[in-house]
Amino acid sequence: MTPQLATLLDKHQNTLNAALNAIKTRDYWTPYPENPSPRAYGETANADGEAAFKSYLNQSFALDMPGIVGEAGSEVSPYGIELNVKYPRVDLDQLLPAMQDARKAWRDIGPQGRAAICLEILERINKRSFEIGYAVMHTSGQGFMMAFQAGGPHAQDRGLEAVAYGYTAMMHTPESAVWTKPQGKQDPLVLNKTFTTVGRGIGLVIGCSTFPTWNTYPGMFADLITGNPVIVKPHPAAILPAAISVKIAQDVLSENGLPAHIVSMVIDEDASKPGTAALAAREEIKLIDFTGNTPFGNWLETHCTQAQVYTEKAGVNTVIIDSTDDYKGMLRNLSFTLSLYSGQMCTTPQDIFVSKDGIDTDQGHKSFDDVASDIATAVSKFLSDPERAAMVLGAIQAPVTAERIDNSKTLGKVLRESEALTHPHFPNARLRSPLLMSIDADQQDTYMQELFGPISFVVKTDSTAESIALATEAVKQHGAITLGCYTTNESVQEQIEEAALDGGVALSSNLTGGVFVNQSAAYSDFHATGCNPAANACLSDLAFVANRFRVVQSRRHA
């Protein structure tokens, strides 16, 4: 490791040590403030970030990569603003060999050198959280507060978490050892051995349109820390946040004497003609991270056998309501959960199972119809303030999602119509409030399919036992990232916990305060498990990083 990298590692050593400790203790910790306050980021940070975002509009975005042959880009903000940013297109037959050549330099600086580079990239990304927040907002449709937090500090946390796990996995093996084998009266056999971590090859991180940084940083930094150059392939509707992140990474690499194209970006020549499949199937690609729809995730797992493939796909998340000792708190919690980012999260519940006999609460017994209508009323009350509604709902990212809402309202008995709202500041924004329906448990063909967006069902079951059975079936057959429950009965709680373990899904019980089933905290909460069809990997654990590198040894007589 060069003196320059040693100095850089020393700069970030405390952060690295704290991250390594956090993934062991699982307590709250973050080096990246989630509050977009002047105290944390500077008095002019918001204005400067918005100005930086606007400076990209109607311009060409420069990146340092071999084989640039033109430019493309056709992003349109869900808030009704044409971004018109153009990004470089590259010839893969020039880029990929250059990235192969760069592997040696990236390998040779070792785990500590790579950790120093990754931590510096993350620190600089954090300092530009407002700029990235506006870019996330105007590509994903998230409200600004969510775009700042989920697209900024929370995404950075997930990136650092991957660095910490990768560093832990690699440091398990020493860089060198002296091997001494006694030979009785003869001199012992003595060998000097070295152990070098070697990445598998070029990584490909396929981004999604709804969380263009949160779902990109884990794979990107897991690849980098373990010695792999990485291509970021953003969704054509959400390129700008990825481009800014790649540019920051390239700047750090160049400043430290490394090839900038160790981190590169590839976009489609034409959004209507995606080239992701052809890129993913190339022999040079040895690692693939994907977040998106199930059919393409399955295609990657089946066809890209030259690569180690990590996927997060669709699922049907559920909530079981058996009983509660805080009925108002439950309703408040669910109303926020169903409204946040208009249900466009892989963790948002779609099916809420309630027995036909109703539930016991601190306000007395509530019938099934009471619970269903009260949830609908709570959502409407929560969204009654236009400013709050706009901030929490954000905008619908894709027109097809808005169409799905309209096409779904005949699937059940409508408890709450989805409304087309007007944004207080962006009159052309695509805003829709949640559609909530009730449905009988025997209509599984309807509610057991993922309906992406703000579409949810209150499902009438014969009993809590059937609710648990149906939730378990949803996890095992269709996949799920989250399972929620409300119960005051310890025996029921144990049954649900067993069902969660059996299905391999994260469980949240009796949430009534400021924690919600569709949110997860880096360093503490595991996002997905890899145990059910919704995902074959977890963000983040040792399994997420350990197969991205190998240890190659060399030995000689002492």
Protein backbone atom coordinates (compact mmCIF):
# COMPACT_ATOMS: atom_id res chain seq x y z
CA MET A 1 0.00 0.00 0.00
CA THR A 2 1.37 3.40 -0.99
CA PRO A 3 2.03 6.13 1.61
CA GLN A 4 -0.85 8.09 0.07
CA LEU A 5 -3.25 5.19 0.61
CA ALA A 6 -1.88 4.61 4.10
CA THR A 7 -2.69 8.22 4.95
CA LEU A 8 -6.16 7.81 3.47
CA LEU A 9 -6.75 4.66 5.51
CA ASP A 10 -5.64 6.44 8.66
CA LYS A 11 -8.17 9.21 7.89
CA HIS A 12 -11.02 6.69 7.79
CA GLN A 13 -9.79 4.09 10.29
CA ASN A 14 -12.15 5.15 13.08
CA THR A 15 -15.16 4.94 10.75
CA LEU A 16 -14.10 1.51 9.52
CA ASN A 17 -13.58 0.25 13.07
CA ALA A 18 -16.96 1.58 14.14
CA ALA A 19 -18.67 -0.08 11.17
CA LEU A 20 -16.95 -3.39 11.95
CA ASN A 21 -18.21 -3.11 15.52
CA ALA A 22 -21.73 -2.13 14.44
CA ILE A 23 -22.30 -5.22 12.31
CA LYS A 24 -21.41 -7.31 15.35
CA THR A 25 -23.41 -5.47 18.02
CA ARG A 26 -26.40 -4.74 15.68
CA ASP A 27 -27.18 -1.56 17.67
CA TYR A 28 -27.98 1.82 16.13
CA TRP A 29 -25.00 3.58 14.56
CA THR A 30 -24.33 5.71 11.52
CA PRO A 31 -21.59 8.10 10.42
CA TYR A 32 -23.95 9.78 7.94
CA PRO A 33 -26.58 12.13 9.47
CA GLU A 34 -30.07 11.41 8.13
CA ASN A 35 -31.42 14.83 9.11
CA PRO A 36 -30.96 17.29 6.20
CA SER A 37 -30.18 20.11 8.58
CA PRO A 38 -27.74 23.00 8.11
CA ARG A 39 -26.06 21.96 11.36
CA ALA A 40 -25.10 18.61 9.85
CA TYR A 41 -24.37 19.59 6.26
CA GLY A 42 -23.78 23.35 6.24
CA GLU A 43 -25.96 26.44 5.95
CA THR A 44 -25.95 26.46 2.13
CA ALA A 45 -25.98 22.70 1.55
CA ASN A 46 -29.60 22.52 0.39
CA ALA A 47 -29.36 25.44 -2.01
CA ASP A 48 -25.98 24.28 -3.30
CA GLY A 49 -27.28 20.74 -3.82
CA GLU A 50 -30.37 21.91 -5.71
CA ALA A 51 -28.23 24.19 -7.86
CA ALA A 52 -25.82 21.32 -8.60
CA PHE A 53 -28.76 19.12 -9.62
CA LYS A 54 -30.15 21.79 -11.92
CA SER A 55 -26.73 22.32 -13.51
CA TYR A 56 -26.96 18.84 -15.03
CA LEU A 57 -30.23 19.50 -16.84
CA ASN A 58 -30.03 19.85 -20.63
CA GLN A 59 -26.29 19.08 -20.48
CA SER A 60 -23.87 16.25 -21.27
CA PHE A 61 -22.54 14.32 -18.26
CA ALA A 62 -18.85 13.48 -18.51
CA LEU A 63 -17.31 10.22 -17.28
CA ASP A 64 -13.80 8.82 -17.76
CA MET A 65 -14.10 5.51 -19.62
CA PRO A 66 -12.34 3.90 -22.60
CA GLY A 67 -14.44 3.32 -25.70
CA ILE A 68 -16.90 6.23 -25.53
CA VAL A 69 -18.77 6.28 -28.86
CA GLY A 70 -21.62 8.70 -28.31
CA GLU A 71 -24.25 9.70 -25.79
CA ALA A 72 -27.86 8.95 -24.87
CA GLY A 73 -30.43 9.57 -22.14
CA SER A 74 -34.14 10.36 -21.97
CA GLU A 75 -35.07 10.71 -18.29
CA VAL A 76 -38.29 12.54 -17.42
CA SER A 77 -39.08 13.41 -13.82
CA PRO A 78 -42.28 11.90 -12.36
CA TYR A 79 -42.82 15.45 -11.14
CA GLY A 80 -43.24 16.60 -14.74
CA ILE A 81 -39.79 18.04 -15.45
CA GLU A 82 -37.80 16.97 -18.52
CA LEU A 83 -34.24 16.34 -17.38
CA ASN A 84 -32.71 15.92 -20.83
CA VAL A 85 -29.31 14.82 -19.50
CA LYS A 86 -27.03 12.99 -21.94
CA TYR A 87 -24.60 10.33 -20.74
CA PRO A 88 -21.71 8.61 -22.51
CA ARG A 89 -22.31 5.39 -24.42
CA VAL A 90 -19.43 2.97 -24.65
CA ASP A 91 -18.20 0.20 -26.90
CA LEU A 92 -18.09 -2.84 -24.60
CA ASP A 93 -15.35 -4.43 -26.69
CA GLN A 94 -13.11 -1.55 -25.65
CA LEU A 95 -14.37 -0.99 -22.10
CA LEU A 96 -14.34 -4.57 -20.83
CA PRO A 97 -10.71 -5.39 -21.81
CA ALA A 98 -9.60 -2.12 -20.18
CA MET A 99 -11.44 -3.05 -16.99
CA GLN A 100 -9.82 -6.48 -17.08
CA ASP A 101 -6.42 -4.81 -17.27
CA ALA A 102 -7.33 -2.56 -14.31
CA ARG A 103 -7.99 -5.59 -12.11
CA LYS A 104 -4.30 -5.98 -11.29
CA ALA A 105 -3.90 -2.46 -9.92
CA TRP A 106 -7.09 -2.81 -7.90
CA ARG A 107 -5.99 -6.21 -6.58
CA ASP A 108 -2.48 -5.12 -5.66
CA ILE A 109 -3.46 -2.34 -3.25
CA GLY A 110 -4.96 -5.03 -1.02
CA PRO A 111 -7.99 -5.07 1.28
CA GLN A 112 -6.84 -2.12 3.36
CA GLY A 113 -6.09 0.04 0.34
CA ARG A 114 -9.47 -0.81 -1.18
CA ALA A 115 -11.19 -0.05 2.12
CA ALA A 116 -9.52 3.37 2.19
CA ILE A 117 -10.71 4.15 -1.35
CA CYS A 118 -14.26 2.95 -0.65
CA LEU A 119 -14.53 4.97 2.54
CA GLU A 120 -13.30 8.10 0.80
CA ILE A 121 -15.84 7.60 -2.00
CA LEU A 122 -18.62 7.22 0.55
CA GLU A 123 -17.54 10.29 2.50
CA ARG A 124 -17.60 12.41 -0.66
CA ILE A 125 -20.95 10.98 -1.69
CA ASN A 126 -22.27 11.90 1.75
CA LYS A 127 -21.10 15.50 1.37
CA ARG A 128 -23.18 15.69 -1.80
CA SER A 129 -26.30 14.14 -0.29
CA PHE A 130 -28.52 17.09 -1.21
CA GLU A 131 -27.41 16.99 -4.84
CA ILE A 132 -27.99 13.25 -4.99
CA GLY A 133 -31.24 13.65 -3.07
CA TYR A 134 -32.67 15.96 -5.72
CA ALA A 135 -31.47 13.59 -8.44
CA VAL A 136 -33.17 10.66 -6.69
CA MET A 137 -36.34 12.68 -6.18
CA HIS A 138 -36.63 13.65 -9.84
CA THR A 139 -35.92 10.18 -11.21
CA SER A 140 -37.61 7.87 -8.69
CA GLY A 141 -40.51 10.11 -7.71
CA GLN A 142 -39.75 9.92 -3.99
CA GLY A 143 -40.67 12.93 -1.88
CA PHE A 144 -37.62 15.06 -1.10
CA MET A 145 -37.23 13.99 2.54
CA MET A 146 -37.34 10.32 1.58
CA ALA A 147 -35.11 10.92 -1.45
CA PHE A 148 -32.56 12.65 0.76
CA GLN A 149 -32.62 9.97 3.46
CA ALA A 150 -33.12 6.75 1.51
CA GLY A 151 -31.16 7.96 -1.53
CA GLY A 152 -28.48 9.61 0.57
CA PRO A 153 -27.39 8.64 4.12
CA HIS A 154 -29.36 5.37 4.30
CA ALA A 155 -27.97 4.24 0.93
CA GLN A 156 -24.49 5.25 2.06
CA ASP A 157 -24.99 3.20 5.23
CA ARG A 158 -25.78 0.14 3.11
CA GLY A 159 -22.67 0.77 1.03
CA LEU A 160 -20.48 1.04 4.12
CA GLU A 161 -22.13 -2.05 5.57
CA ALA A 162 -21.06 -4.02 2.48
CA VAL A 163 -17.52 -2.67 2.89
CA ALA A 164 -17.47 -3.78 6.52
CA TYR A 165 -18.65 -7.29 5.69
CA GLY A 166 -16.24 -7.59 2.76
CA TYR A 167 -13.35 -6.38 4.88
CA THR A 168 -14.27 -8.85 7.64
CA ALA A 169 -14.40 -11.75 5.20
CA MET A 170 -11.05 -10.94 3.61
CA MET A 171 -9.22 -10.24 6.87
CA HIS A 172 -10.17 -13.70 8.12
CA THR A 173 -7.06 -14.98 6.33
CA PRO A 174 -3.64 -13.45 7.13
CA GLU A 175 -1.58 -11.98 4.30
CA SER A 176 1.37 -14.22 5.19
CA ALA A 177 2.40 -17.08 7.46
CA VAL A 178 5.42 -19.16 8.34
CA TRP A 179 4.57 -22.86 8.20
CA THR A 180 6.78 -25.11 10.34
CA LYS A 181 6.39 -28.90 10.37
CA PRO A 182 8.58 -30.84 12.86
CA GLN A 183 10.61 -33.72 11.38
CA GLY A 184 11.80 -35.46 14.53
CA LYS A 185 15.62 -35.52 14.60
CA GLN A 186 15.77 -33.81 11.23
CA ASP A 187 15.49 -30.09 10.67
CA PRO A 188 11.85 -28.98 10.44
CA LEU A 189 10.23 -28.18 7.13
CA VAL A 190 9.73 -24.44 6.96
CA LEU A 191 7.76 -22.64 4.27
CA ASN A 192 6.92 -18.99 3.84
CA LYS A 193 3.39 -18.60 2.55
CA THR A 194 1.50 -15.62 1.19
CA PHE A 195 -2.26 -15.35 0.77
CA THR A 196 -3.71 -12.85 -1.68
CA THR A 197 -7.40 -11.99 -2.05
CA VAL A 198 -8.32 -12.01 -5.74
CA GLY A 199 -11.65 -10.79 -7.04
CA ARG A 200 -13.70 -13.03 -9.33
CA GLY A 201 -13.74 -10.51 -12.17
CA ILE A 202 -15.83 -7.63 -13.45
CA GLY A 203 -19.01 -6.96 -11.49
CA LEU A 204 -22.28 -5.70 -12.96
CA VAL A 205 -24.79 -3.87 -10.76
CA ILE A 206 -28.19 -3.50 -12.43
CA GLY A 207 -30.07 -0.62 -10.84
CA CYS A 208 -33.80 -0.08 -10.42
CA SER A 209 -35.91 3.00 -11.07
CA THR A 210 -37.42 3.34 -7.60
CA PHE A 211 -34.27 3.19 -5.44
CA PRO A 212 -31.40 4.09 -7.77
CA THR A 213 -28.78 4.42 -5.00
CA TRP A 214 -30.13 2.35 -2.08
CA ASN A 215 -30.29 -0.77 -4.25
CA THR A 216 -27.06 0.03 -6.12
CA TYR A 217 -24.53 0.84 -3.41
CA PRO A 218 -24.54 -2.58 -1.67
CA GLY A 219 -23.50 -4.52 -4.77
CA MET A 220 -21.23 -1.75 -6.00
CA PHE A 221 -19.23 -1.53 -2.77
CA ALA A 222 -19.33 -5.28 -2.12
CA ASP A 223 -17.65 -5.75 -5.51
CA LEU A 224 -15.11 -2.99 -4.96
CA ILE A 225 -13.96 -3.98 -1.48
CA THR A 226 -13.43 -7.58 -2.59
CA GLY A 227 -11.21 -6.60 -5.52
CA ASN A 228 -13.58 -6.42 -8.49
CA PRO A 229 -13.95 -3.57 -10.98
CA VAL A 230 -17.62 -2.75 -11.33
CA ILE A 231 -20.02 -1.57 -14.04
CA VAL A 232 -23.09 0.28 -12.84
CA LYS A 233 -25.99 -0.28 -15.24
CA PRO A 234 -28.75 2.10 -14.10
CA HIS A 235 -32.39 1.86 -15.07
CA PRO A 236 -32.94 4.13 -18.11
CA ALA A 237 -35.46 6.17 -16.09
CA ALA A 238 -33.04 6.79 -13.21
CA ILE A 239 -29.52 7.35 -14.51
CA LEU A 240 -28.51 10.65 -12.90
CA PRO A 241 -28.06 9.46 -9.27
CA ALA A 242 -25.90 6.58 -10.47
CA ALA A 243 -23.88 8.83 -12.78
CA ILE A 244 -23.09 11.27 -9.96
CA SER A 245 -22.00 8.37 -7.74
CA VAL A 246 -19.80 6.86 -10.47
CA LYS A 247 -18.19 10.25 -11.17
CA ILE A 248 -17.31 10.70 -7.49
CA ALA A 249 -15.78 7.20 -7.42
CA GLN A 250 -13.77 7.92 -10.55
CA ASP A 251 -12.42 11.15 -9.06
CA VAL A 252 -11.20 9.33 -5.93
CA LEU A 253 -9.59 6.55 -7.97
CA SER A 254 -7.76 8.99 -10.26
CA GLU A 255 -6.49 11.09 -7.37
CA ASN A 256 -4.93 7.97 -5.87
CA GLY A 257 -3.16 6.87 -9.03
CA LEU A 258 -5.67 4.20 -10.04
CA PRO A 259 -7.57 3.76 -13.32
CA ALA A 260 -10.81 5.74 -13.13
CA HIS A 261 -12.68 3.09 -15.10
CA ILE A 262 -12.38 0.61 -12.23
CA VAL A 263 -15.87 2.04 -11.68
CA SER A 264 -17.72 2.54 -14.96
CA MET A 265 -21.28 3.09 -16.14
CA VAL A 266 -23.06 1.53 -19.11
CA ILE A 267 -26.42 2.78 -20.36
CA ASP A 268 -28.79 1.66 -23.06
CA GLU A 269 -28.34 3.20 -26.50
CA ASP A 270 -32.12 3.45 -26.66
CA ALA A 271 -34.43 3.06 -23.64
CA SER A 272 -36.87 1.12 -25.83
CA LYS A 273 -34.14 -1.39 -26.70
CA PRO A 274 -32.53 -2.46 -23.42
CA GLY A 275 -29.11 -4.06 -23.66
CA THR A 276 -28.83 -5.35 -20.10
CA ALA A 277 -29.33 -9.02 -21.00
CA ALA A 278 -26.57 -8.99 -23.61
CA LEU A 279 -24.19 -7.27 -21.22
CA ALA A 280 -25.02 -9.60 -18.32
CA ALA A 281 -24.41 -12.70 -20.46
CA ARG A 282 -20.90 -11.67 -21.53
CA GLU A 283 -18.15 -13.98 -20.40
CA GLU A 284 -16.20 -11.10 -18.81
CA ILE A 285 -18.99 -10.45 -16.29
CA LYS A 286 -18.37 -12.59 -13.20
CA LEU A 287 -20.67 -10.94 -10.65
CA ILE A 288 -24.21 -9.64 -11.12
CA ASP A 289 -26.39 -7.73 -8.64
CA PHE A 290 -29.97 -7.14 -9.71
CA THR A 291 -33.04 -5.49 -8.21
CA GLY A 292 -36.24 -5.60 -10.21
CA ASN A 293 -38.96 -7.78 -11.68
CA THR A 294 -39.11 -11.52 -11.12
CA PRO A 295 -39.03 -12.67 -14.78
CA PHE A 296 -35.75 -10.90 -15.54
CA GLY A 297 -34.27 -11.88 -12.19
CA ASN A 298 -35.09 -15.50 -12.96
CA TRP A 299 -33.59 -15.12 -16.44
CA LEU A 300 -30.34 -13.84 -14.97
CA GLU A 301 -30.15 -16.71 -12.50
CA THR A 302 -30.83 -19.27 -15.22
CA HIS A 303 -28.82 -17.96 -18.16
CA CYS A 304 -25.84 -16.07 -16.70
CA THR A 305 -24.06 -19.16 -15.46
CA GLN A 306 -20.65 -17.56 -15.96
CA ALA A 307 -21.40 -15.19 -13.07
CA GLN A 308 -22.31 -15.30 -9.41
CA VAL A 309 -25.80 -13.75 -9.43
CA TYR A 310 -27.45 -11.91 -6.54
CA THR A 311 -31.11 -10.98 -7.05
CA GLU A 312 -33.84 -9.13 -5.23
CA LYS A 313 -37.14 -9.69 -7.02
CA ALA A 314 -40.87 -9.23 -6.44
CA GLY A 315 -42.88 -10.65 -3.56
CA VAL A 316 -46.14 -10.44 -1.65
CA ASN A 317 -45.63 -8.85 1.77
CA THR A 318 -48.30 -9.44 4.39
CA VAL A 319 -49.57 -8.31 7.78
CA ILE A 320 -51.51 -10.54 10.19
CA ILE A 321 -53.89 -8.74 12.56
CA ASP A 322 -55.02 -10.96 15.44
CA SER A 323 -55.45 -8.45 18.28
CA THR A 324 -53.89 -5.26 19.62
CA ASP A 325 -53.60 -3.28 22.82
CA ASP A 326 -53.11 0.00 20.89
CA TYR A 327 -55.74 0.18 18.17
CA LYS A 328 -55.15 3.85 17.31
CA GLY A 329 -51.39 3.32 17.24
CA MET A 330 -51.81 0.33 14.93
CA LEU A 331 -53.99 2.35 12.55
CA ARG A 332 -51.55 5.28 12.54
CA ASN A 333 -48.65 2.96 11.86
CA LEU A 334 -50.42 1.13 9.03
CA SER A 335 -51.64 4.36 7.41
CA PHE A 336 -48.07 5.65 7.13
CA THR A 337 -46.81 2.23 6.02
CA LEU A 338 -49.34 1.99 3.18
CA SER A 339 -48.80 5.60 2.09
CA LEU A 340 -45.00 5.87 2.14
CA TYR A 341 -43.73 6.42 -1.40
CA SER A 342 -47.11 5.32 -2.72
CA GLY A 343 -46.40 1.68 -1.93
CA GLN A 344 -43.50 1.57 -4.40
CA MET A 345 -41.21 -0.24 -1.99
CA CYS A 346 -40.25 -3.90 -2.04
CA THR A 347 -41.12 -3.98 1.67
CA THR A 348 -44.64 -2.47 1.55
CA PRO A 349 -47.44 -4.79 2.74
CA GLN A 350 -49.99 -5.76 0.11
CA ASP A 351 -52.20 -8.21 2.00
CA ILE A 352 -53.58 -7.57 5.50
CA PHE A 353 -55.13 -10.75 6.93
CA VAL A 354 -57.98 -10.32 9.44
CA SER A 355 -60.31 -13.00 10.78
CA LYS A 356 -63.99 -12.78 9.80
CA ASP A 357 -64.72 -12.83 13.56
CA GLY A 358 -62.82 -9.57 14.03
CA ILE A 359 -60.19 -8.68 16.63
CA ASP A 360 -59.97 -7.75 20.30
CA THR A 361 -58.52 -4.32 21.03
CA ASP A 362 -58.06 -1.83 23.86
CA GLN A 363 -61.18 -0.14 22.49
CA GLY A 364 -63.27 -3.27 22.63
CA HIS A 365 -64.01 -5.87 20.01
CA LYS A 366 -63.80 -4.72 16.38
CA SER A 367 -65.51 -6.60 13.59
CA PHE A 368 -63.79 -7.38 10.30
CA ASP A 369 -65.71 -4.53 8.66
CA ASP A 370 -64.70 -2.17 11.47
CA VAL A 371 -61.02 -2.96 11.00
CA ALA A 372 -61.17 -2.69 7.21
CA SER A 373 -63.03 0.63 7.20
CA ASP A 374 -60.93 2.07 10.03
CA ILE A 375 -57.70 1.35 8.13
CA ALA A 376 -59.15 3.12 5.08
CA THR A 377 -60.28 6.07 7.19
CA ALA A 378 -56.88 6.30 8.88
CA VAL A 379 -55.13 6.48 5.50
CA SER A 380 -57.48 9.25 4.34
CA LYS A 381 -57.02 11.18 7.59
CA PHE A 382 -53.24 10.83 7.38
CA LEU A 383 -53.24 12.19 3.83
CA SER A 384 -55.73 14.99 4.48
CA ASP A 385 -53.02 17.64 4.60
CA PRO A 386 -51.86 18.31 0.99
CA GLU A 387 -48.29 19.19 1.93
CA ARG A 388 -47.84 16.07 4.04
CA ALA A 389 -49.55 13.92 1.42
CA ALA A 390 -47.21 15.17 -1.30
CA MET A 391 -44.12 14.67 0.84
CA VAL A 392 -45.04 11.15 1.99
CA LEU A 393 -46.62 9.80 -1.20
CA GLY A 394 -44.07 11.23 -3.60
CA ALA A 395 -44.88 10.63 -7.26
CA ILE A 396 -45.67 7.45 -9.15
CA GLN A 397 -42.40 6.57 -10.86
CA ALA A 398 -43.77 4.89 -13.99
CA PRO A 399 -46.98 5.45 -15.98
CA VAL A 400 -47.57 1.69 -15.99
CA THR A 401 -47.93 1.77 -12.20
CA ALA A 402 -50.63 4.43 -12.44
CA GLU A 403 -52.41 2.30 -15.03
CA ARG A 404 -52.19 -0.71 -12.72
CA ILE A 405 -53.98 1.22 -9.98
CA ASP A 406 -56.86 2.06 -12.33
CA ASN A 407 -57.07 -1.52 -13.57
CA SER A 408 -57.09 -3.02 -10.06
CA LYS A 409 -60.10 -1.30 -8.50
CA THR A 410 -62.46 -4.05 -9.70
CA LEU A 411 -60.46 -6.80 -7.98
CA GLY A 412 -62.19 -6.42 -4.62
CA LYS A 413 -64.68 -4.36 -2.66
CA VAL A 414 -63.25 -0.83 -2.66
CA LEU A 415 -62.72 0.51 0.86
CA ARG A 416 -60.81 3.54 -0.30
CA GLU A 417 -60.52 4.87 -3.84
CA SER A 418 -57.12 5.92 -5.15
CA GLU A 419 -57.22 9.65 -5.81
CA ALA A 420 -55.24 11.62 -8.38
CA LEU A 421 -53.83 14.43 -6.27
CA THR A 422 -52.33 17.79 -7.21
CA HIS A 423 -48.84 18.46 -5.92
CA PRO A 424 -48.56 21.87 -4.19
CA HIS A 425 -45.30 22.67 -6.01
CA PHE A 426 -45.25 20.49 -9.14
CA PRO A 427 -48.59 20.74 -10.96
CA ASN A 428 -47.61 18.06 -13.51
CA ALA A 429 -46.55 15.50 -10.92
CA ARG A 430 -48.02 11.98 -11.11
CA LEU A 431 -49.55 11.67 -7.60
CA ARG A 432 -51.87 8.86 -6.53
CA SER A 433 -53.11 7.94 -3.07
CA PRO A 434 -53.49 4.30 -1.93
CA LEU A 435 -56.21 2.02 -3.27
CA LEU A 436 -57.53 -0.23 -0.49
CA MET A 437 -59.94 -3.13 -1.04
CA SER A 438 -61.40 -5.98 0.96
CA ILE A 439 -61.50 -9.50 -0.44
CA ASP A 440 -62.36 -13.02 0.69
CA ALA A 441 -59.58 -15.47 1.48
CA ASP A 442 -60.60 -17.87 -1.29
CA GLN A 443 -59.69 -15.30 -3.98
CA GLN A 444 -56.01 -16.22 -3.85
CA ASP A 445 -55.46 -15.82 -7.59
CA THR A 446 -56.13 -12.10 -7.09
CA TYR A 447 -54.33 -11.09 -3.92
CA MET A 448 -51.44 -13.58 -4.08
CA GLN A 449 -49.93 -11.87 -7.13
CA GLU A 450 -47.75 -8.82 -6.65
CA LEU A 451 -49.55 -5.63 -7.68
CA PHE A 452 -46.75 -3.09 -7.52
CA GLY A 453 -47.79 0.32 -6.29
CA PRO A 454 -50.29 1.68 -3.73
CA ILE A 455 -52.66 -1.29 -3.99
CA SER A 456 -53.57 -3.30 -0.88
CA PHE A 457 -56.18 -5.82 0.28
CA VAL A 458 -57.76 -6.49 3.65
CA VAL A 459 -58.31 -10.24 3.36
CA LYS A 460 -61.17 -11.87 5.29
CA THR A 461 -60.03 -15.23 6.66
CA ASP A 462 -61.85 -17.88 8.65
CA SER A 463 -59.50 -17.45 11.63
CA THR A 464 -56.11 -16.22 12.72
CA ALA A 465 -54.84 -19.75 12.08
CA GLU A 466 -55.86 -19.39 8.43
CA SER A 467 -54.29 -15.93 8.33
CA ILE A 468 -50.99 -17.43 9.46
CA ALA A 469 -51.29 -20.26 6.93
CA LEU A 470 -52.00 -17.85 4.06
CA ALA A 471 -49.16 -15.52 5.05
CA THR A 472 -46.82 -18.51 5.15
CA GLU A 473 -47.99 -19.61 1.71
CA ALA A 474 -47.40 -16.11 0.35
CA VAL A 475 -43.82 -16.18 1.61
CA LYS A 476 -43.00 -19.68 0.40
CA GLN A 477 -44.74 -19.60 -2.97
CA HIS A 478 -44.42 -15.98 -4.02
CA GLY A 479 -41.67 -14.58 -1.82
CA ALA A 480 -41.70 -11.73 0.68
CA ILE A 481 -39.24 -9.28 2.19
CA THR A 482 -41.39 -8.40 5.19
CA LEU A 483 -44.04 -9.94 7.44
CA GLY A 484 -45.90 -7.88 10.05
CA CYS A 485 -48.21 -8.93 12.84
CA TYR A 486 -50.36 -7.54 15.62
CA THR A 487 -51.30 -9.79 18.53
CA THR A 488 -51.58 -9.71 22.29
CA ASN A 489 -51.67 -13.50 22.49
CA GLU A 490 -48.29 -15.05 23.27
CA SER A 491 -49.26 -18.39 21.75
CA VAL A 492 -50.26 -16.68 18.49
CA GLN A 493 -47.03 -14.69 18.59
CA GLU A 494 -45.04 -17.90 18.84
CA GLN A 495 -46.95 -19.42 15.91
CA ILE A 496 -46.24 -16.39 13.74
CA GLU A 497 -42.57 -16.38 14.72
CA GLU A 498 -42.34 -20.04 13.76
CA ALA A 499 -44.03 -19.28 10.43
CA ALA A 500 -41.50 -16.49 9.78
CA LEU A 501 -38.60 -18.82 10.50
CA ASP A 502 -40.12 -21.55 8.36
CA GLY A 503 -40.64 -19.19 5.43
CA GLY A 504 -37.41 -17.27 5.90
CA VAL A 505 -38.85 -13.75 6.17
CA ALA A 506 -38.12 -10.83 8.50
CA LEU A 507 -40.87 -10.32 11.09
CA SER A 508 -42.01 -7.08 12.73
CA SER A 509 -44.45 -7.40 15.63
CA ASN A 510 -46.85 -4.86 17.11
CA LEU A 511 -45.35 -1.75 15.54
CA THR A 512 -47.33 1.26 16.75
CA GLY A 513 -44.71 3.99 17.04
CA GLY A 514 -42.03 5.51 14.83
CA VAL A 515 -40.73 2.26 13.33
CA PHE A 516 -42.51 0.82 10.28
CA VAL A 517 -42.52 -2.63 8.69
CA ASN A 518 -41.30 -1.29 5.33
CA GLN A 519 -38.21 0.39 6.76
CA SER A 520 -34.89 -1.24 7.66
CA ALA A 521 -31.77 0.05 9.38
CA ALA A 522 -28.30 -0.74 8.07
CA TYR A 523 -25.83 -2.49 10.37
CA SER A 524 -28.78 -3.90 12.34
CA ASP A 525 -31.66 -5.05 10.11
CA PHE A 526 -31.02 -7.66 7.44
CA HIS A 527 -32.85 -6.69 4.24
CA ALA A 528 -34.23 -9.90 2.69
CA THR A 529 -32.89 -13.30 3.70
CA GLY A 530 -32.21 -15.29 0.55
CA CYS A 531 -34.52 -17.99 1.97
CA ASN A 532 -37.62 -17.38 -0.16
CA PRO A 533 -38.39 -16.52 -3.81
CA ALA A 534 -38.28 -12.74 -3.26
CA ALA A 535 -34.48 -12.72 -3.09
CA ASN A 536 -31.56 -15.13 -3.27
CA ALA A 537 -29.33 -12.85 -1.20
CA CYS A 538 -29.36 -10.67 1.91
CA LEU A 539 -28.27 -7.06 2.38
CA SER A 540 -25.89 -7.51 3.98
CA ASP A 541 -24.25 -10.55 5.50
CA LEU A 542 -21.08 -12.54 5.00
CA ALA A 543 -22.71 -14.66 2.30
CA PHE A 544 -23.31 -11.47 0.30
CA VAL A 545 -19.57 -10.77 0.05
CA ALA A 546 -17.62 -13.98 0.65
CA ASN A 547 -18.13 -15.49 -2.80
CA ARG A 548 -16.99 -12.33 -4.59
CA PHE A 549 -13.31 -13.17 -4.02
CA ARG A 550 -10.95 -16.08 -3.64
CA VAL A 551 -7.69 -16.49 -1.72
CA VAL A 552 -4.73 -17.47 -3.90
CA GLN A 553 -1.65 -18.72 -2.05
CA SER A 554 2.04 -18.86 -2.88
CA ARG A 555 4.63 -20.81 -0.92
CA ARG A 556 8.40 -21.26 -0.93
CA HIS A 557 11.06 -22.70 1.35
CA ALA A 558 12.16 -20.32 4.05
